[in-house]
């Protein structure tokens, strides 16, 4: 798995976050719904959250659109291929509908990628079910298809802002984007601590 992360240049994306100032992230999300041209006002500064800016922070090369993930997701889907690649033999969609799978049905190596994806790309409070959206992204990851991570994170940010109750996703990324836009905060501002760190020790549990 580490080799694939290196090959995709997702090393920084996979790093465990440190504690960061939360008040700036709250202001970012409070103003995100009113963004203009993918820029958000934070303490008087316009902060870009374009996919290019996100990719640049993580050191990921930009990928020509549409990437292979988008092309696959918009095409005629072979759900049997998705099932065969991700799940144990005999697994079926939950309640027989193309909605979700139980995460416990994922193959061990695939579970590692699943939790990596939830921690770094498609955050969620609920990890027990693998939705169709998550399954497709997971499948394209393990198949080695090109994926514009910045665009997916950009969409996840907007989704969190529009729903309002999903939480503060990507706080470290937001703080660094704000720092790049010369947003200033003080050392006494409260910090947010990372949750559920996905490190090598965690990943090794699924690599047997």
Protein backbone atom coordinates (compact mmCIF):
# COMPACT_ATOMS: atom_id res chain seq x y z
CA UNK A 1 0.00 0.00 0.00
CA UNK A 2 2.83 2.39 0.83
CA UNK A 3 4.28 1.83 -2.64
CA UNK A 4 0.96 2.80 -4.24
CA UNK A 5 0.78 5.91 -2.06
CA UNK A 6 4.29 6.84 -3.17
CA UNK A 7 3.49 6.21 -6.83
CA UNK A 8 0.39 8.39 -6.68
CA UNK A 9 2.35 11.08 -4.77
CA UNK A 10 -0.15 10.91 -1.92
CA UNK A 11 2.49 10.88 0.81
CA UNK A 12 1.54 14.24 2.32
CA UNK A 13 -2.13 13.36 1.95
CA UNK A 14 -1.51 10.27 4.09
CA UNK A 15 0.40 12.03 6.86
CA UNK A 16 -1.14 12.21 10.35
CA UNK A 17 -2.35 15.77 11.07
CA UNK A 18 -1.20 17.82 14.05
CA UNK A 19 -3.32 20.04 16.27
CA UNK A 20 -4.46 23.19 14.46
CA UNK A 21 -6.30 26.42 15.17
CA UNK A 22 -10.00 25.65 14.89
CA UNK A 23 -11.51 29.15 14.90
CA UNK A 24 -10.14 29.88 11.43
CA UNK A 25 -11.58 26.62 10.09
CA UNK A 26 -14.99 27.48 11.56
CA UNK A 27 -14.96 30.87 9.85
CA UNK A 28 -13.92 29.23 6.59
CA UNK A 29 -16.91 26.87 6.66
CA UNK A 30 -19.30 29.59 7.86
CA UNK A 31 -18.47 31.64 4.76
CA UNK A 32 -17.99 28.74 2.34
CA UNK A 33 -21.64 28.63 1.27
CA UNK A 34 -21.22 32.18 -0.06
CA UNK A 35 -17.92 31.54 -1.84
CA UNK A 36 -17.11 33.46 -5.01
CA UNK A 37 -15.10 31.81 -7.77
CA UNK A 38 -13.88 29.14 -5.32
CA UNK A 39 -12.57 31.72 -2.88
CA UNK A 40 -13.74 32.21 0.71
CA UNK A 41 -13.49 35.32 2.86
CA UNK A 42 -11.64 34.59 6.12
CA UNK A 43 -10.69 37.48 8.38
CA UNK A 44 -10.70 39.90 5.48
CA UNK A 45 -8.60 37.70 3.17
CA UNK A 46 -9.79 35.74 0.14
CA UNK A 47 -8.75 32.10 0.51
CA UNK A 48 -8.74 29.90 -2.58
CA UNK A 49 -9.92 26.32 -2.24
CA UNK A 50 -9.73 25.45 -5.93
CA UNK A 51 -8.70 21.89 -6.70
CA UNK A 52 -5.38 23.20 -8.03
CA UNK A 53 -4.64 24.90 -4.68
CA UNK A 54 -5.54 21.73 -2.78
CA UNK A 55 -3.37 19.55 -5.00
CA UNK A 56 -0.51 22.03 -4.68
CA UNK A 57 -0.67 21.87 -0.88
CA UNK A 58 -0.48 18.07 -0.93
CA UNK A 59 2.22 18.04 -3.59
CA UNK A 60 -0.01 16.15 -6.02
CA UNK A 61 0.34 16.89 -9.75
CA UNK A 62 -2.74 18.24 -11.47
CA UNK A 63 -4.59 15.71 -13.61
CA UNK A 64 -6.33 16.56 -16.86
CA UNK A 65 -10.10 16.50 -16.58
CA UNK A 66 -12.05 14.40 -16.84
CA UNK A 67 -9.86 11.97 -14.93
CA UNK A 68 -10.36 8.22 -15.23
CA UNK A 69 -12.38 8.15 -12.01
CA UNK A 70 -14.92 10.62 -13.37
CA UNK A 71 -15.05 8.87 -16.74
CA UNK A 72 -15.66 5.53 -15.07
CA UNK A 73 -18.30 6.90 -12.66
CA UNK A 74 -20.21 8.57 -15.52
CA UNK A 75 -20.03 5.55 -17.80
CA UNK A 76 -21.96 2.29 -17.90
CA UNK A 77 -21.08 0.82 -14.53
CA UNK A 78 -20.03 -2.81 -14.16
CA UNK A 79 -21.14 -3.30 -10.57
CA UNK A 80 -20.22 -6.99 -10.66
CA UNK A 81 -16.60 -5.97 -11.30
CA UNK A 82 -16.76 -3.60 -8.32
CA UNK A 83 -18.12 -6.36 -6.09
CA UNK A 84 -15.53 -8.90 -7.22
CA UNK A 85 -12.64 -6.50 -6.62
CA UNK A 86 -13.69 -5.16 -3.22
CA UNK A 87 -15.66 -7.78 -1.35
CA UNK A 88 -15.53 -11.37 -0.18
CA UNK A 89 -17.06 -13.99 -2.45
CA UNK A 90 -20.84 -14.08 -2.05
CA UNK A 91 -21.22 -10.48 -0.85
CA UNK A 92 -24.32 -8.63 -2.04
CA UNK A 93 -25.63 -5.08 -1.94
CA UNK A 94 -27.43 -4.20 1.28
CA UNK A 95 -31.14 -5.10 1.00
CA UNK A 96 -30.49 -6.16 -2.60
CA UNK A 97 -30.34 -2.56 -3.87
CA UNK A 98 -27.45 -0.60 -5.40
CA UNK A 99 -27.15 1.63 -2.36
CA UNK A 100 -24.48 0.34 0.02
CA UNK A 101 -22.47 -2.58 1.40
CA UNK A 102 -21.45 -3.41 4.93
CA UNK A 103 -17.83 -2.34 5.42
CA UNK A 104 -17.20 -5.61 7.25
CA UNK A 105 -17.58 -7.41 3.90
CA UNK A 106 -14.57 -5.66 2.38
CA UNK A 107 -11.44 -7.67 1.70
CA UNK A 108 -8.68 -6.94 4.24
CA UNK A 109 -6.36 -4.94 1.93
CA UNK A 110 -9.38 -3.03 0.63
CA UNK A 111 -10.42 -2.13 4.18
CA UNK A 112 -7.09 -0.38 4.63
CA UNK A 113 -7.78 1.76 1.54
CA UNK A 114 -11.35 2.35 2.72
CA UNK A 115 -10.26 3.86 6.04
CA UNK A 116 -7.52 5.81 4.29
CA UNK A 117 -10.18 7.24 1.98
CA UNK A 118 -12.51 8.17 4.86
CA UNK A 119 -9.69 9.82 6.79
CA UNK A 120 -8.23 11.84 3.94
CA UNK A 121 -10.57 12.20 0.96
CA UNK A 122 -14.25 11.48 1.71
CA UNK A 123 -14.74 12.07 5.46
CA UNK A 124 -17.83 10.69 7.13
CA UNK A 125 -19.19 10.15 10.61
CA UNK A 126 -20.54 6.79 9.53
CA UNK A 127 -18.07 4.18 8.36
CA UNK A 128 -20.11 1.00 8.81
CA UNK A 129 -21.69 1.18 5.34
CA UNK A 130 -19.81 1.59 2.07
CA UNK A 131 -22.06 3.73 -0.10
CA UNK A 132 -22.12 3.35 -3.86
CA UNK A 133 -20.13 6.59 -4.20
CA UNK A 134 -17.45 5.32 -1.82
CA UNK A 135 -17.36 1.91 -3.50
CA UNK A 136 -16.74 3.43 -6.93
CA UNK A 137 -13.94 5.68 -5.65
CA UNK A 138 -12.42 2.77 -3.74
CA UNK A 139 -12.55 0.58 -6.84
CA UNK A 140 -10.85 3.20 -9.02
CA UNK A 141 -8.12 3.65 -6.39
CA UNK A 142 -7.20 -0.03 -6.26
CA UNK A 143 -7.45 -0.31 -10.06
CA UNK A 144 -4.84 2.43 -10.42
CA UNK A 145 -7.06 4.87 -12.31
CA UNK A 146 -6.15 8.56 -12.37
CA UNK A 147 -7.99 10.57 -9.72
CA UNK A 148 -8.05 14.32 -9.17
CA UNK A 149 -7.92 14.29 -5.37
CA UNK A 150 -8.19 18.07 -5.18
CA UNK A 151 -11.53 18.05 -6.98
CA UNK A 152 -12.94 15.37 -4.67
CA UNK A 153 -11.81 17.22 -1.53
CA UNK A 154 -13.21 20.46 -2.97
CA UNK A 155 -16.59 18.76 -3.42
CA UNK A 156 -16.43 17.27 0.09
CA UNK A 157 -15.84 20.73 1.56
CA UNK A 158 -18.86 22.16 -0.25
CA UNK A 159 -21.00 19.23 0.84
CA UNK A 160 -20.00 19.74 4.48
CA UNK A 161 -20.78 23.47 4.28
CA UNK A 162 -24.15 23.01 2.57
CA UNK A 163 -25.35 20.36 5.02
CA UNK A 164 -24.06 22.29 8.01
CA UNK A 165 -23.93 19.38 10.46
CA UNK A 166 -21.17 17.18 9.07
CA UNK A 167 -18.35 18.75 11.06
CA UNK A 168 -15.11 20.56 10.25
CA UNK A 169 -13.46 18.42 7.62
CA UNK A 170 -9.83 18.96 6.48
CA UNK A 171 -8.90 21.46 9.24
CA UNK A 172 -5.15 21.17 8.59
CA UNK A 173 -5.61 21.80 4.87
CA UNK A 174 -7.87 24.79 5.56
CA UNK A 175 -5.40 26.31 8.01
CA UNK A 176 -2.57 25.99 5.49
CA UNK A 177 -4.69 27.48 2.68
CA UNK A 178 -5.51 30.39 5.01
CA UNK A 179 -1.86 30.77 5.93
CA UNK A 180 -0.98 30.96 2.24
CA UNK A 181 -3.53 33.77 1.87
CA UNK A 182 -1.90 35.71 4.76
CA UNK A 183 -4.75 35.11 7.23
CA UNK A 184 -3.49 35.96 10.71
CA UNK A 185 -4.50 34.33 14.01
CA UNK A 186 -3.12 34.42 17.53
CA UNK A 187 -1.44 31.68 19.53
CA UNK A 188 -4.21 31.73 22.13
CA UNK A 189 -6.88 30.63 19.64
CA UNK A 190 -8.25 27.15 20.54
CA UNK A 191 -6.82 24.11 18.80
CA UNK A 192 -8.51 21.11 17.21
CA UNK A 193 -6.92 17.70 17.76
CA UNK A 194 -6.86 15.03 15.05
CA UNK A 195 -9.18 12.06 15.45
CA UNK A 196 -8.65 8.47 14.41
CA UNK A 197 -5.10 8.75 13.10
CA UNK A 198 -4.52 6.43 10.14
CA UNK A 199 -0.87 5.41 10.43
CA UNK A 200 1.26 2.42 9.41
CA UNK A 201 0.35 0.53 12.58
CA UNK A 202 -3.35 0.93 11.82
CA UNK A 203 -2.90 -0.13 8.19
CA UNK A 204 -0.95 -3.26 9.05
CA UNK A 205 -4.04 -4.70 10.74
CA UNK A 206 -5.61 -5.14 7.29
CA UNK A 207 -2.60 -6.42 5.40
CA UNK A 208 -2.74 -10.06 6.44
